[in-house]
Amino acid sequence: MDIDRALPAAPPAAESSRDGHTAIVCHALGKRFGRHRAVVDLYLSVNAGEVVGYLGPNGAGKTTTLRLLTGALRPTAGSATVSGLDCWRSAPAVHRDLGYVPSEPALDLRVTGAVLLDLDASMRDVRATAARPAQYALADRLVLDLTRRVGELSRGNRQKLAVVLALWHRPRVLLLDEPTTGLDPLVQDTFRELLRDTAAAGAAVLLSSHALAEVERFAHRVVVLREGRVVANADVATLRHHAPHRVRVRFADPAAATVLDTVSGVADRRADGDEVTFSVRRHAIGDLVAALGRVRVTDLEIREAELEELFRSLYGGAP
């Protein structure tokens, strides 16, 4: 199930924008921590109004990429820009355009959510009184009490506060690192509405998530990272097209399963009595059906690979 050979990695050039503006560009971006190469020769672009799902197993380099884009880390190779500004050299200016929800928000536990939002407004040169309508409207949608100290909030409510901090100023670029972690299902639905509204308003969104159904629903395109390198860059439909189908066959006579030896493109074959499961390339489905027509089959199921299976194949079996 090695489908990444059939899929192009990100090209070393910005792709055509959905509205003429490329908001995020990583060019040959690299980051080392000692001998460990966390990000390797990364080419990535996200256009205004586009949601890009950024996927990979733990340790693949997703969070490192996002921290490079925020200017929290200095690249050891290449460059990262947001709205044409270098993320390291022009970090304060980049932050004005940026909203960021980290996987583990580091918030001052001693103050209330309202105080944090006032501080955030002042750092953006916005009067607190002018910022509060947008801030409190978001808090109301997420059912968040801004009068409580952060240290008194649950994990989920701290995540809500991080979302409000990221979205209230209508950022042009939104970086999300596992943003729905700790949110209950109803609040996740509200967050997804906010995400859809943010992209529709023209923001470029880079969404790192293990919630594959979430990525499939909202992402225009998916970039898959493995060991710091891009192994696929395509829309979900293209990924599915290149993925093998999963097949389950029950034979009247288990010995008849040898007919599968005549079909190219069969892989991951497992037998359990009279039942055999395997994967098969899309181009070989016709040959498979013809071969099965020569023997007696009592049950047959052919389905497209689930998104989770597809990405497991790209991850190389990583958890």
Protein backbone atom coordinates (compact mmCIF):
# COMPACT_ATOMS: atom_id res chain seq x y z
CA MET A 1 0.00 0.00 0.00
CA ASP A 2 2.84 2.41 -0.78
CA ILE A 3 0.75 5.11 -2.43
CA ASP A 4 3.13 8.03 -1.89
CA ARG A 5 5.12 7.02 -4.97
CA ALA A 6 2.11 7.97 -7.08
CA LEU A 7 1.57 11.32 -5.37
CA PRO A 8 3.59 14.50 -5.87
CA ALA A 9 5.23 16.22 -2.92
CA ALA A 10 4.86 19.98 -2.65
CA PRO A 11 6.62 21.65 -5.59
CA PRO A 12 9.39 24.17 -4.88
CA ALA A 13 7.13 27.05 -5.87
CA ALA A 14 3.96 28.69 -4.59
CA GLU A 15 0.79 27.23 -6.02
CA SER A 16 -1.91 29.32 -7.65
CA SER A 17 -3.99 31.03 -4.99
CA ARG A 18 -7.70 30.64 -4.49
CA ASP A 19 -7.98 34.44 -4.64
CA GLY A 20 -4.61 35.56 -5.99
CA HIS A 21 -2.75 35.78 -2.66
CA THR A 22 -0.40 33.19 -1.18
CA ALA A 23 -0.34 33.82 2.56
CA ILE A 24 2.06 31.14 3.85
CA VAL A 25 5.21 30.05 2.03
CA CYS A 26 7.88 27.64 3.27
CA HIS A 27 10.84 27.42 0.90
CA ALA A 28 13.38 24.63 1.48
CA LEU A 29 12.60 25.07 5.19
CA GLY A 30 14.64 23.02 7.63
CA LYS A 31 15.09 22.77 11.39
CA ARG A 32 17.63 20.77 13.37
CA PHE A 33 17.80 20.11 17.08
CA GLY A 34 21.36 18.90 17.46
CA ARG A 35 21.67 15.89 15.21
CA HIS A 36 17.90 15.46 14.92
CA ARG A 37 16.38 16.85 11.73
CA ALA A 38 12.84 17.81 12.70
CA VAL A 39 11.91 19.46 9.38
CA VAL A 40 13.75 18.66 6.15
CA ASP A 41 13.65 20.67 2.91
CA LEU A 42 10.00 21.64 3.35
CA TYR A 43 8.13 23.34 0.50
CA LEU A 44 4.65 24.40 1.53
CA SER A 45 2.20 27.10 0.51
CA VAL A 46 -1.24 28.03 1.80
CA ASN A 47 -3.41 30.49 -0.08
CA ALA A 48 -5.85 33.03 1.26
CA GLY A 49 -9.23 31.38 1.80
CA GLU A 50 -7.68 27.89 1.75
CA VAL A 51 -7.72 25.29 4.53
CA VAL A 52 -4.77 22.90 4.34
CA GLY A 53 -4.77 19.80 6.54
CA TYR A 54 -1.29 19.12 7.90
CA LEU A 55 -1.00 15.48 8.87
CA GLY A 56 1.59 13.07 10.17
CA PRO A 57 2.38 10.81 13.11
CA ASN A 58 3.73 12.15 16.38
CA GLY A 59 7.25 13.45 15.88
CA ALA A 60 6.80 14.04 12.14
CA GLY A 61 7.59 17.75 12.45
CA LYS A 62 4.11 19.31 12.37
CA THR A 63 4.37 21.34 15.58
CA THR A 64 7.93 22.38 14.72
CA THR A 65 6.65 23.74 11.40
CA LEU A 66 3.94 25.76 13.13
CA ARG A 67 6.42 27.17 15.65
CA LEU A 68 8.72 28.17 12.80
CA LEU A 69 5.79 30.02 11.22
CA THR A 70 5.06 31.87 14.46
CA GLY A 71 8.70 32.96 14.74
CA ALA A 72 9.17 31.04 17.99
CA LEU A 73 11.94 29.00 16.35
CA ARG A 74 14.73 30.08 14.04
CA PRO A 75 15.11 27.92 10.91
CA THR A 76 18.44 26.23 10.28
CA ALA A 77 17.78 26.15 6.53
CA GLY A 78 15.49 27.85 4.03
CA SER A 79 12.81 30.35 4.93
CA ALA A 80 9.22 30.71 6.15
CA THR A 81 7.07 33.75 5.35
CA VAL A 82 3.59 34.90 6.31
CA SER A 83 1.98 37.59 4.16
CA GLY A 84 5.36 38.16 2.55
CA LEU A 85 7.15 38.76 5.87
CA ASP A 86 9.96 36.57 7.15
CA CYS A 87 8.64 34.75 10.21
CA TRP A 88 11.92 34.97 12.15
CA ARG A 89 13.21 38.41 11.16
CA SER A 90 9.81 40.13 11.22
CA ALA A 91 8.06 38.15 13.96
CA PRO A 92 6.26 41.14 15.63
CA ALA A 93 4.78 42.22 12.28
CA VAL A 94 3.85 38.63 11.41
CA HIS A 95 1.97 38.32 14.70
CA ARG A 96 -0.40 41.10 13.71
CA ASP A 97 -1.72 38.92 10.87
CA LEU A 98 -1.56 35.66 12.81
CA GLY A 99 -3.88 33.58 14.95
CA TYR A 100 -2.39 30.53 16.65
CA VAL A 101 -3.96 27.75 18.70
CA PRO A 102 -1.18 25.54 20.13
CA SER A 103 -1.83 21.95 21.16
CA GLU A 104 -1.09 22.87 24.79
CA PRO A 105 -1.86 26.56 25.38
CA ALA A 106 0.53 28.21 27.84
CA LEU A 107 -1.70 30.76 29.57
CA ASP A 108 -1.17 32.81 32.72
CA LEU A 109 -3.12 30.87 35.36
CA ARG A 110 -3.34 33.81 37.79
CA VAL A 111 -5.60 36.12 35.78
CA THR A 112 -9.05 35.89 34.24
CA GLY A 113 -9.79 35.24 30.60
CA ALA A 114 -11.03 38.82 30.30
CA VAL A 115 -7.68 40.19 31.50
CA LEU A 116 -5.79 38.03 28.99
CA LEU A 117 -8.01 39.28 26.19
CA ASP A 118 -7.47 42.92 27.26
CA LEU A 119 -3.70 42.31 27.24
CA ASP A 120 -3.88 40.71 23.81
CA ALA A 121 -5.83 43.70 22.49
CA SER A 122 -3.27 46.15 23.86
CA MET A 123 -0.40 44.22 22.24
CA ARG A 124 -2.26 44.58 18.94
CA ASP A 125 -2.68 48.32 19.49
CA VAL A 126 -6.46 47.95 19.86
CA ARG A 127 -8.36 49.59 22.72
CA ALA A 128 -9.81 46.96 25.03
CA THR A 129 -13.25 48.55 24.82
CA ALA A 130 -13.14 48.31 21.03
CA ALA A 131 -12.01 44.67 21.10
CA ARG A 132 -14.51 43.39 23.66
CA PRO A 133 -17.58 43.05 21.41
CA ALA A 134 -15.78 40.58 19.13
CA GLN A 135 -14.07 38.82 22.04
CA TYR A 136 -17.22 38.39 24.11
CA ALA A 137 -19.29 37.32 21.11
CA LEU A 138 -16.82 34.48 20.48
CA ALA A 139 -16.78 33.55 24.16
CA ASP A 140 -20.58 33.40 24.17
CA ARG A 141 -20.62 31.10 21.12
CA LEU A 142 -18.17 28.78 22.85
CA VAL A 143 -19.95 29.02 26.23
CA LEU A 144 -16.86 30.37 27.98
CA ASP A 145 -16.94 32.34 31.25
CA LEU A 146 -14.32 35.09 30.96
CA THR A 147 -14.68 36.20 34.60
CA ARG A 148 -12.98 33.07 36.00
CA ARG A 149 -9.24 32.81 36.57
CA VAL A 150 -7.51 30.64 33.98
CA GLY A 151 -6.21 28.35 36.73
CA GLU A 152 -9.80 27.51 37.64
CA LEU A 153 -10.77 26.52 34.11
CA SER A 154 -10.97 22.94 32.85
CA ARG A 155 -8.70 21.73 30.04
CA GLY A 156 -11.53 22.21 27.57
CA ASN A 157 -12.30 25.75 28.72
CA ARG A 158 -8.63 26.74 28.46
CA GLN A 159 -8.73 25.46 24.90
CA LYS A 160 -11.81 27.62 24.25
CA LEU A 161 -9.91 30.64 25.58
CA ALA A 162 -7.00 29.87 23.24
CA VAL A 163 -9.47 29.77 20.33
CA VAL A 164 -10.93 33.17 21.29
CA LEU A 165 -7.43 34.65 21.57
CA ALA A 166 -6.61 33.33 18.11
CA LEU A 167 -9.78 34.42 16.32
CA TRP A 168 -11.16 37.63 17.81
CA HIS A 169 -8.94 39.95 15.70
CA ARG A 170 -9.92 38.23 12.41
CA PRO A 171 -6.44 37.00 11.47
CA ARG A 172 -5.35 36.69 7.86
CA VAL A 173 -3.44 33.51 8.75
CA LEU A 174 -4.62 30.89 11.23
CA LEU A 175 -2.34 28.13 12.55
CA LEU A 176 -4.10 25.31 14.40
CA ASP A 177 -2.30 22.51 16.26
CA GLU A 178 -4.82 19.87 17.37
CA PRO A 179 -7.32 22.67 18.10
CA THR A 180 -10.28 20.52 19.20
CA THR A 181 -8.37 18.58 21.87
CA GLY A 182 -10.36 18.69 25.09
CA LEU A 183 -13.48 20.21 23.51
CA ASP A 184 -16.77 18.39 23.94
CA PRO A 185 -18.64 17.35 20.74
CA LEU A 186 -21.09 20.28 20.76
CA VAL A 187 -18.31 22.82 21.18
CA GLN A 188 -16.34 21.07 18.43
CA ASP A 189 -19.28 21.70 16.12
CA THR A 190 -19.22 25.39 17.03
CA PHE A 191 -15.47 25.53 16.46
CA ARG A 192 -15.90 24.00 13.01
CA GLU A 193 -18.46 26.68 12.15
CA LEU A 194 -15.94 29.32 13.24
CA LEU A 195 -13.25 27.65 11.14
CA ARG A 196 -15.52 27.64 8.09
CA ASP A 197 -16.40 31.31 8.63
CA THR A 198 -12.73 32.26 9.06
CA ALA A 199 -11.71 30.62 5.79
CA ALA A 200 -14.71 32.08 3.98
CA ALA A 201 -13.60 35.53 5.14
CA GLY A 202 -10.29 34.97 3.31
CA ALA A 203 -7.96 33.64 5.99
CA ALA A 204 -5.31 31.05 5.13
CA VAL A 205 -5.65 28.12 7.54
CA LEU A 206 -3.05 25.46 8.30
CA LEU A 207 -4.75 22.75 10.36
CA SER A 208 -2.68 20.09 12.10
CA SER A 209 -4.97 17.41 13.46
CA HIS A 210 -5.30 13.70 14.16
CA ALA A 211 -9.06 13.99 13.66
CA LEU A 212 -9.08 12.74 10.08
CA ALA A 213 -12.84 13.20 9.65
CA GLU A 214 -12.36 16.86 10.62
CA VAL A 215 -9.61 17.31 8.05
CA GLU A 216 -11.62 15.52 5.36
CA ARG A 217 -14.61 17.77 5.98
CA PHE A 218 -12.83 21.12 5.92
CA ALA A 219 -9.52 20.86 4.13
CA HIS A 220 -9.24 21.87 0.49
CA ARG A 221 -5.89 20.12 0.36
CA VAL A 222 -3.86 17.74 2.52
CA VAL A 223 -0.12 17.75 3.13
CA VAL A 224 1.30 14.62 4.75
CA LEU A 225 4.57 14.77 6.67
CA ARG A 226 6.75 11.81 7.62
CA GLU A 227 10.07 12.14 9.45
CA GLY A 228 10.16 15.84 8.65
CA ARG A 229 9.59 15.42 4.92
CA VAL A 230 6.49 15.93 2.77
CA VAL A 231 5.38 12.59 1.33
CA ALA A 232 2.09 13.75 -0.23
CA ASN A 233 0.44 17.02 -1.19
CA ALA A 234 -2.98 16.66 -2.82
CA ASP A 235 -6.68 17.11 -2.29
CA VAL A 236 -8.50 14.31 -0.48
CA ALA A 237 -10.21 13.10 -3.65
CA THR A 238 -6.83 12.64 -5.34
CA LEU A 239 -5.46 10.78 -2.33
CA ARG A 240 -8.45 8.45 -2.41
CA HIS A 241 -8.04 7.90 -6.15
CA HIS A 242 -4.48 6.68 -5.68
CA ALA A 243 -5.28 4.55 -2.64
CA PRO A 244 -5.83 0.79 -3.02
CA HIS A 245 -9.31 -0.64 -2.54
CA ARG A 246 -9.92 -3.03 0.31
CA VAL A 247 -11.43 -6.38 -0.68
CA ARG A 248 -12.98 -9.22 1.30
CA VAL A 249 -13.82 -12.47 -0.52
CA ARG A 250 -15.40 -15.66 0.80
CA PHE A 251 -14.78 -18.70 -1.37
CA ALA A 252 -16.97 -21.80 -1.51
CA ASP A 253 -13.71 -23.77 -1.63
CA PRO A 254 -10.75 -22.23 0.25
CA ALA A 255 -8.36 -23.77 -2.30
CA ALA A 256 -9.91 -21.51 -4.97
CA ALA A 257 -8.15 -18.54 -3.39
CA THR A 258 -5.15 -19.39 -5.55
CA VAL A 259 -6.98 -17.60 -8.37
CA LEU A 260 -5.76 -14.37 -6.76
CA ASP A 261 -2.21 -15.29 -7.79
CA THR A 262 -3.19 -14.40 -11.37
CA VAL A 263 -4.15 -10.80 -10.49
CA SER A 264 -1.47 -8.10 -10.40
CA GLY A 265 -1.78 -5.37 -7.81
CA VAL A 266 -2.97 -7.62 -4.96
CA ALA A 267 -1.19 -6.90 -1.65
CA ASP A 268 -1.60 -7.27 2.12
CA ARG A 269 -3.25 -10.65 1.59
CA ARG A 270 -4.59 -12.44 4.68
CA ALA A 271 -6.52 -15.71 4.77
CA ASP A 272 -8.85 -16.92 7.52
CA GLY A 273 -10.41 -20.21 6.49
CA ASP A 274 -12.56 -19.61 3.43
CA GLU A 275 -12.27 -15.82 3.72
CA VAL A 276 -9.45 -13.72 2.25
CA THR A 277 -8.88 -10.00 2.72
CA PHE A 278 -6.43 -7.91 0.70
CA SER A 279 -5.85 -4.61 -1.06
CA VAL A 280 -5.92 -4.11 -4.81
CA ARG A 281 -5.04 -1.21 -7.07
CA ARG A 282 -7.91 0.56 -8.79
CA HIS A 283 -6.60 -0.35 -12.26
CA ALA A 284 -6.68 -4.07 -11.37
CA ILE A 285 -10.29 -4.27 -10.19
CA GLY A 286 -11.52 -5.44 -13.60
CA ASP A 287 -8.92 -8.24 -13.68
CA LEU A 288 -9.90 -9.19 -10.14
CA VAL A 289 -13.61 -9.46 -10.99
CA ALA A 290 -12.79 -11.54 -14.10
CA ALA A 291 -10.62 -13.90 -12.04
CA LEU A 292 -13.25 -14.32 -9.34
CA GLY A 293 -15.78 -15.12 -12.06
CA ARG A 294 -13.87 -18.33 -12.74
CA VAL A 295 -14.49 -19.73 -9.25
CA ARG A 296 -17.42 -19.94 -6.88
CA VAL A 297 -17.63 -16.96 -4.51
CA THR A 298 -20.18 -16.87 -1.69
CA ASP A 299 -19.53 -13.29 -0.52
CA LEU A 300 -17.67 -10.28 -1.89
CA GLU A 301 -17.03 -6.77 -0.57
CA ILE A 302 -14.97 -4.09 -2.33
CA ARG A 303 -14.61 -0.66 -0.79
CA GLU A 304 -12.38 2.38 -1.01
CA ALA A 305 -9.74 2.69 1.67
CA GLU A 306 -10.87 4.62 4.72
CA LEU A 307 -9.00 7.87 5.23
CA GLU A 308 -7.31 6.42 8.30
CA GLU A 309 -6.07 3.42 6.31
CA LEU A 310 -4.85 5.72 3.57
CA PHE A 311 -2.80 7.80 5.93
CA ARG A 312 -1.45 4.76 7.75
CA SER A 313 -0.02 3.66 4.42
CA LEU A 314 1.61 7.07 3.98
CA TYR A 315 2.92 7.02 7.53
CA GLY A 316 4.58 3.70 6.83
CA GLY A 317 2.65 1.97 9.61
CA ALA A 318 3.45 4.56 12.26
CA PRO A 319 0.86 5.01 15.02
